[in-house]
Amino acid sequence: MAASKSPAVTVEAGDHEVRVSNPDRVYFPALGLTKLDLVHYYLAVGDGIVRALRERPCMLHRFPDGLAGEKVHQKRVPHGAPDWLETVRVSFPRYKRHADELCVTKPADVIWAVQMSTVEFHPWNSRRADTERPDEWRIDLDPMPDCPFDRVRRVAAVAHEVLDELGIVGYPKTSGGRGLHVYVRIAPRWGFTDVRRAALAFAREVERRAPQDVTTAWWRRERDPSALFVDYNQNARDHTIASAYSVRGVPDATVSTPVDWAEIPDLDPRDFTVLTVPERFAARGDLHARIDDEAFPLDRLLEWAERDEAAGLGDPGTASD
């Protein structure tokens, strides 16, 4: 016999009402968190999640049957979406295809996605005004399997030091896993290839200053399993990572959460979950609220990239505009 379905409910999300079907469907079995709990979480951090996603093409990680079921990576907004939902068209030249992806501009867009069983939000680092010119540089401090979090903390301090020397303000957040991300607003003057070149030059500078902790080795088999990989490839075209305030599809319902630099020496990323982040947001607001105040140039980092390339340190991977 098929499981009974709970009656749909309607929630207010800004200027719109969104119908939420099966609100009692359990998404996180270990915690007993339901689809409606997820809706309430995203409403509680509404300003933050909208700021993180605003006007960016966004891939959705959906769990139609909760974490116990299949995970679906969805780029295209399906037919039948409400007329107030906005999209942005992006192309995939290699496959000669395009997709009309979700383009969040308001809280209702996020709640509609949750109604569609979305748990995670993975935006591009460019916006719909020019999807080929990123306005966000992403520093991904990605620990290898045996890397302790103390090492992640140390590398974050080195990254902060280099950013300070460049006169650049970075906005850190937990990844929702074992790593940290740092986001930097940049002037949308460069394509993905140059942003990635700048990111690689930065990663190599961090590696020079912390060679015992950091690797930039392209091939996973060449990385020390206890090292931290500064993943510059997250700036390649069509690569996405979980946004600030995105829940992660893991049993503990962790959240990719903005933090202060001063918190990093003592923080435990496992403390930031669907159950704890709303209270933190209510008390402290969005720690990324000023991220759009200033956009920074990449000129000096691109000079570093040219220096490294002249020295024979080319890009071991591949990326293209």
Protein backbone atom coordinates (compact mmCIF):
# COMPACT_ATOMS: atom_id res chain seq x y z
CA MET A 1 0.00 0.00 0.00
CA ALA A 2 1.34 3.44 -0.91
CA ALA A 3 2.23 5.72 2.00
CA SER A 4 -0.41 8.33 2.78
CA LYS A 5 0.41 11.90 1.81
CA SER A 6 0.06 14.81 4.22
CA PRO A 7 -2.24 17.63 3.05
CA ALA A 8 -0.56 20.51 1.23
CA VAL A 9 -0.01 23.79 3.05
CA THR A 10 0.46 27.33 1.77
CA VAL A 11 3.28 29.51 3.07
CA GLU A 12 3.94 33.20 2.59
CA ALA A 13 7.29 34.03 1.06
CA GLY A 14 7.66 37.75 0.57
CA ASP A 15 5.01 38.97 -1.84
CA HIS A 16 3.98 35.50 -2.95
CA GLU A 17 2.29 32.45 -1.55
CA VAL A 18 3.80 29.06 -2.31
CA ARG A 19 1.92 25.78 -2.09
CA VAL A 20 3.98 23.09 -0.37
CA SER A 21 2.85 19.54 -1.06
CA ASN A 22 3.67 16.63 1.26
CA PRO A 23 4.97 18.94 4.01
CA ASP A 24 5.45 16.05 6.45
CA ARG A 25 7.69 14.04 4.14
CA VAL A 26 10.87 13.29 6.11
CA TYR A 27 13.98 14.59 4.37
CA PHE A 28 16.57 14.01 7.10
CA PRO A 29 15.69 10.70 8.81
CA ALA A 30 18.40 10.91 11.47
CA LEU A 31 16.96 14.20 12.72
CA GLY A 32 13.32 13.70 11.76
CA LEU A 33 13.39 16.92 9.72
CA THR A 34 10.61 17.28 7.17
CA LYS A 35 10.10 19.19 3.96
CA LEU A 36 8.21 21.85 5.91
CA ASP A 37 11.11 22.14 8.37
CA LEU A 38 13.33 22.84 5.38
CA VAL A 39 10.89 25.50 4.14
CA HIS A 40 10.92 27.17 7.56
CA TYR A 41 14.73 27.09 7.64
CA TYR A 42 15.03 28.85 4.27
CA LEU A 43 12.42 31.42 5.27
CA ALA A 44 14.40 32.14 8.46
CA VAL A 45 17.58 32.91 6.46
CA GLY A 46 15.71 34.44 3.52
CA ASP A 47 17.74 37.63 3.14
CA GLY A 48 21.00 35.70 3.27
CA ILE A 49 20.14 32.95 0.81
CA VAL A 50 18.63 35.43 -1.66
CA ARG A 51 21.75 37.60 -1.46
CA ALA A 52 23.95 34.55 -2.09
CA LEU A 53 21.92 33.43 -5.12
CA ARG A 54 20.70 36.73 -6.53
CA GLU A 55 20.57 36.75 -10.34
CA ARG A 56 22.91 33.78 -10.70
CA PRO A 57 22.17 30.70 -12.79
CA CYS A 58 21.53 28.05 -10.16
CA MET A 59 21.72 24.27 -10.30
CA LEU A 60 19.42 22.48 -7.86
CA HIS A 61 20.33 19.36 -5.91
CA ARG A 62 16.97 17.68 -5.37
CA PHE A 63 16.01 14.77 -3.13
CA PRO A 64 12.44 13.83 -4.18
CA ASP A 65 12.26 11.09 -1.54
CA GLY A 66 14.48 12.71 1.07
CA LEU A 67 18.08 11.72 1.76
CA ALA A 68 17.11 8.06 1.73
CA GLY A 69 16.30 8.31 -1.98
CA GLU A 70 18.01 9.33 -5.18
CA LYS A 71 19.81 12.66 -5.56
CA VAL A 72 18.94 14.59 -8.73
CA HIS A 73 21.12 17.36 -10.22
CA GLN A 74 18.72 19.65 -12.07
CA LYS A 75 19.73 22.57 -14.25
CA ARG A 76 16.52 23.24 -16.14
CA VAL A 77 13.42 24.78 -14.61
CA PRO A 78 10.56 22.45 -15.55
CA HIS A 79 7.45 23.42 -17.48
CA GLY A 80 4.59 24.54 -15.26
CA ALA A 81 6.65 26.78 -12.99
CA PRO A 82 4.78 29.86 -11.70
CA ASP A 83 4.85 32.89 -13.97
CA TRP A 84 6.61 34.98 -11.32
CA LEU A 85 9.62 32.63 -11.28
CA GLU A 86 12.61 34.02 -13.16
CA THR A 87 15.16 32.09 -15.19
CA VAL A 88 18.43 32.78 -16.98
CA ARG A 89 19.59 30.97 -20.11
CA VAL A 90 23.07 29.50 -20.16
CA SER A 91 24.70 27.60 -23.00
CA PHE A 92 26.87 24.51 -23.03
CA PRO A 93 28.84 24.80 -26.29
CA ARG A 94 30.53 21.42 -25.96
CA TYR A 95 27.15 19.70 -26.07
CA LYS A 96 25.46 22.29 -28.31
CA ARG A 97 22.72 22.73 -25.74
CA HIS A 98 21.35 25.35 -23.40
CA ALA A 99 19.37 25.43 -20.18
CA ASP A 100 16.99 27.90 -18.59
CA GLU A 101 18.17 27.75 -14.99
CA LEU A 102 16.57 29.16 -11.87
CA CYS A 103 17.49 32.82 -11.32
CA VAL A 104 16.65 33.76 -7.72
CA THR A 105 15.58 37.34 -7.08
CA LYS A 106 13.23 36.89 -4.10
CA PRO A 107 12.41 34.50 -1.24
CA ALA A 108 9.52 32.87 -3.08
CA ASP A 109 11.94 31.54 -5.71
CA VAL A 110 13.86 29.68 -3.01
CA ILE A 111 10.71 28.26 -1.42
CA TRP A 112 9.40 27.16 -4.82
CA ALA A 113 12.65 25.23 -5.28
CA VAL A 114 12.25 23.60 -1.85
CA GLN A 115 8.68 22.66 -2.83
CA MET A 116 10.31 20.96 -5.82
CA SER A 117 12.37 18.89 -3.32
CA THR A 118 15.55 20.99 -3.52
CA VAL A 119 17.89 20.71 -0.54
CA GLU A 120 21.08 22.28 -1.95
CA PHE A 121 21.56 25.41 -4.08
CA HIS A 122 24.62 25.55 -6.34
CA PRO A 123 24.92 28.91 -8.16
CA TRP A 124 27.34 30.00 -10.87
CA ASN A 125 29.93 32.64 -10.00
CA SER A 126 28.51 34.96 -12.68
CA ARG A 127 25.18 36.77 -12.97
CA ARG A 128 22.59 37.02 -15.69
CA ALA A 129 23.75 40.47 -16.84
CA ASP A 130 26.73 38.63 -18.38
CA THR A 131 26.97 34.96 -17.55
CA GLU A 132 30.39 34.74 -19.23
CA ARG A 133 32.01 37.32 -16.91
CA PRO A 134 32.27 36.11 -13.30
CA ASP A 135 31.85 38.64 -10.53
CA GLU A 136 32.85 36.18 -7.81
CA TRP A 137 36.20 34.51 -7.19
CA ARG A 138 35.91 31.41 -5.04
CA ILE A 139 38.70 30.10 -2.83
CA ASP A 140 37.91 26.50 -1.93
CA LEU A 141 39.97 25.09 0.93
CA ASP A 142 39.28 21.41 0.31
CA PRO A 143 40.76 18.95 2.81
CA MET A 144 41.93 15.57 1.58
CA PRO A 145 40.50 12.52 3.42
CA ASP A 146 43.11 12.48 6.21
CA CYS A 147 43.47 16.26 6.58
CA PRO A 148 42.67 17.44 10.13
CA PHE A 149 40.58 20.56 10.57
CA ASP A 150 43.44 22.25 12.42
CA ARG A 151 45.25 22.25 9.08
CA VAL A 152 42.24 23.86 7.39
CA ARG A 153 42.33 26.59 10.04
CA ARG A 154 46.05 27.21 9.49
CA VAL A 155 45.67 27.47 5.73
CA ALA A 156 42.71 29.83 6.14
CA ALA A 157 44.98 32.13 8.15
CA VAL A 158 47.59 32.07 5.35
CA ALA A 159 44.94 32.77 2.72
CA HIS A 160 43.70 35.70 4.81
CA GLU A 161 47.26 37.03 5.05
CA VAL A 162 47.72 36.92 1.28
CA LEU A 163 44.37 38.60 0.66
CA ASP A 164 45.29 41.37 3.11
CA GLU A 165 48.57 41.95 1.29
CA LEU A 166 46.64 42.22 -1.97
CA GLY A 167 44.23 44.72 -0.41
CA ILE A 168 41.33 42.34 -1.05
CA VAL A 169 38.46 41.60 1.33
CA GLY A 170 37.43 37.94 1.45
CA TYR A 171 34.25 36.61 2.99
CA PRO A 172 34.68 33.16 4.57
CA LYS A 173 32.07 30.48 5.14
CA THR A 174 32.00 26.86 6.11
CA SER A 175 31.47 24.50 3.21
CA GLY A 176 28.88 22.46 5.04
CA GLY A 177 31.44 19.66 5.00
CA ARG A 178 35.01 19.54 6.28
CA GLY A 179 36.38 22.56 4.43
CA LEU A 180 36.08 26.30 4.16
CA HIS A 181 35.25 28.64 1.29
CA VAL A 182 36.25 32.26 0.86
CA TYR A 183 34.34 34.45 -1.60
CA VAL A 184 35.66 37.64 -3.17
CA ARG A 185 33.64 40.05 -5.28
CA ILE A 186 35.55 40.93 -8.42
CA ALA A 187 34.97 43.37 -11.24
CA PRO A 188 33.27 41.42 -14.07
CA ARG A 189 36.05 42.24 -16.54
CA TRP A 190 37.47 38.78 -17.12
CA GLY A 191 36.24 35.48 -18.51
CA PHE A 192 36.34 32.18 -16.66
CA THR A 193 39.79 31.25 -17.97
CA ASP A 194 41.46 34.35 -16.52
CA VAL A 195 39.59 34.10 -13.22
CA ARG A 196 40.76 30.51 -12.95
CA ARG A 197 44.35 31.57 -13.80
CA ALA A 198 44.19 34.16 -11.03
CA ALA A 199 42.80 31.57 -8.62
CA LEU A 200 45.64 29.17 -9.48
CA ALA A 201 48.25 31.90 -8.94
CA PHE A 202 46.73 32.63 -5.53
CA ALA A 203 46.66 28.93 -4.63
CA ARG A 204 50.34 28.58 -5.53
CA GLU A 205 51.25 31.57 -3.37
CA VAL A 206 49.43 30.00 -0.42
CA GLU A 207 51.27 26.73 -1.15
CA ARG A 208 54.63 28.55 -1.13
CA ARG A 209 53.89 29.95 2.31
CA ALA A 210 52.53 26.72 3.76
CA PRO A 211 54.23 23.89 1.83
CA GLN A 212 53.74 21.36 4.63
CA ASP A 213 50.00 21.93 4.66
CA VAL A 214 48.95 22.78 1.11
CA THR A 215 48.90 21.10 -2.27
CA THR A 216 47.90 22.42 -5.68
CA ALA A 217 48.61 19.11 -7.43
CA TRP A 218 46.08 18.64 -10.19
CA TRP A 219 45.89 14.84 -10.09
CA ARG A 220 44.35 13.43 -6.95
CA ARG A 221 46.80 10.53 -6.90
CA GLU A 222 49.64 13.06 -6.54
CA ARG A 223 48.18 14.70 -3.43
CA ASP A 224 49.20 13.83 0.10
CA PRO A 225 46.01 12.41 1.66
CA SER A 226 46.63 14.53 4.76
CA ALA A 227 47.10 17.79 2.84
CA LEU A 228 44.69 20.58 2.00
CA PHE A 229 43.98 21.16 -1.68
CA VAL A 230 43.31 24.77 -2.68
CA ASP A 231 40.81 23.94 -5.41
CA TYR A 232 41.22 26.70 -7.98
CA ASN A 233 39.16 24.71 -10.50
CA GLN A 234 35.97 25.76 -8.74
CA ASN A 235 36.32 28.94 -10.82
CA ALA A 236 36.01 27.10 -14.13
CA ARG A 237 32.92 27.68 -16.25
CA ASP A 238 29.83 25.77 -15.12
CA HIS A 239 31.50 24.62 -11.90
CA THR A 240 29.37 25.28 -8.87
CA ILE A 241 29.60 24.84 -5.12
CA ALA A 242 27.00 25.15 -2.41
CA SER A 243 26.01 28.75 -1.72
CA ALA A 244 26.10 30.53 1.59
CA TYR A 245 23.14 29.33 3.68
CA SER A 246 22.62 26.27 1.50
CA VAL A 247 21.73 23.15 3.47
CA ARG A 248 23.85 20.14 2.54
CA GLY A 249 22.36 16.78 1.70
CA VAL A 250 24.04 14.94 4.56
CA PRO A 251 22.46 13.20 7.58
CA ASP A 252 23.35 15.98 10.04
CA ALA A 253 21.73 18.69 7.85
CA THR A 254 24.81 20.92 8.02
CA VAL A 255 24.69 24.37 6.44
CA SER A 256 27.32 26.28 4.48
CA THR A 257 27.48 29.20 6.87
CA PRO A 258 29.15 32.63 6.72
CA VAL A 259 31.64 33.15 9.55
CA ASP A 260 34.00 35.87 10.75
CA TRP A 261 37.72 35.40 10.24
CA ALA A 262 38.09 35.73 14.01
CA GLU A 263 35.85 32.68 14.54
CA ILE A 264 37.87 30.30 12.40
CA PRO A 265 40.55 29.34 14.99
CA ASP A 266 37.88 27.88 17.27
CA LEU A 267 34.96 26.90 15.06
CA ASP A 268 33.67 23.41 14.40
CA PRO A 269 31.79 23.25 11.08
CA ARG A 270 29.54 20.53 12.49
CA ASP A 271 27.95 23.12 14.76
CA PHE A 272 26.22 24.88 11.84
CA THR A 273 23.03 23.03 10.98
CA VAL A 274 19.41 23.60 10.02
CA LEU A 275 18.67 23.52 13.76
CA THR A 276 21.24 26.13 14.83
CA VAL A 277 21.77 28.57 11.95
CA PRO A 278 18.36 30.34 12.14
CA GLU A 279 19.05 31.48 15.71
CA ARG A 280 22.55 32.58 14.72
CA PHE A 281 21.13 34.49 11.74
CA ALA A 282 18.53 36.19 13.92
CA ALA A 283 21.20 37.25 16.41
CA ARG A 284 24.01 38.27 14.04
CA GLY A 285 22.38 38.86 10.68
CA ASP A 286 24.10 37.97 7.42
CA LEU A 287 27.87 38.14 7.83
CA HIS A 288 28.09 38.47 4.04
CA ALA A 289 25.72 41.43 3.96
CA ARG A 290 28.44 43.80 2.70
CA ILE A 291 29.97 41.46 0.14
CA ASP A 292 28.61 43.54 -2.76
CA ASP A 293 29.96 46.82 -1.39
CA GLU A 294 33.25 46.63 -3.30
CA ALA A 295 34.52 44.68 -6.30
CA PHE A 296 38.25 43.99 -6.48
CA PRO A 297 40.61 43.78 -9.48
CA LEU A 298 42.57 40.67 -10.44
CA ASP A 299 45.42 42.48 -12.19
CA ARG A 300 48.10 41.64 -9.64
CA LEU A 301 47.06 38.00 -9.46
CA LEU A 302 47.18 37.79 -13.25
CA GLU A 303 50.71 39.23 -13.10
CA TRP A 304 51.56 36.41 -10.70
CA ALA A 305 50.01 33.96 -13.18
CA GLU A 306 52.19 35.33 -16.01
CA ARG A 307 55.27 35.06 -13.77
CA ASP A 308 54.48 31.44 -12.93
CA GLU A 309 53.74 30.55 -16.53
CA ALA A 310 57.03 32.14 -17.66
CA ALA A 311 58.79 29.97 -15.07
CA GLY A 312 57.26 26.85 -16.57
CA LEU A 313 54.44 26.49 -14.06
CA GLY A 314 51.61 26.08 -16.52
CA ASP A 315 48.06 25.03 -15.75
CA PRO A 316 47.99 21.21 -15.49
CA GLY A 317 44.23 21.13 -15.98
CA THR A 318 41.99 22.36 -18.71
CA ALA A 319 39.48 25.21 -18.79
CA SER A 320 38.03 27.40 -21.47
CA ASP A 321 35.87 30.42 -21.86
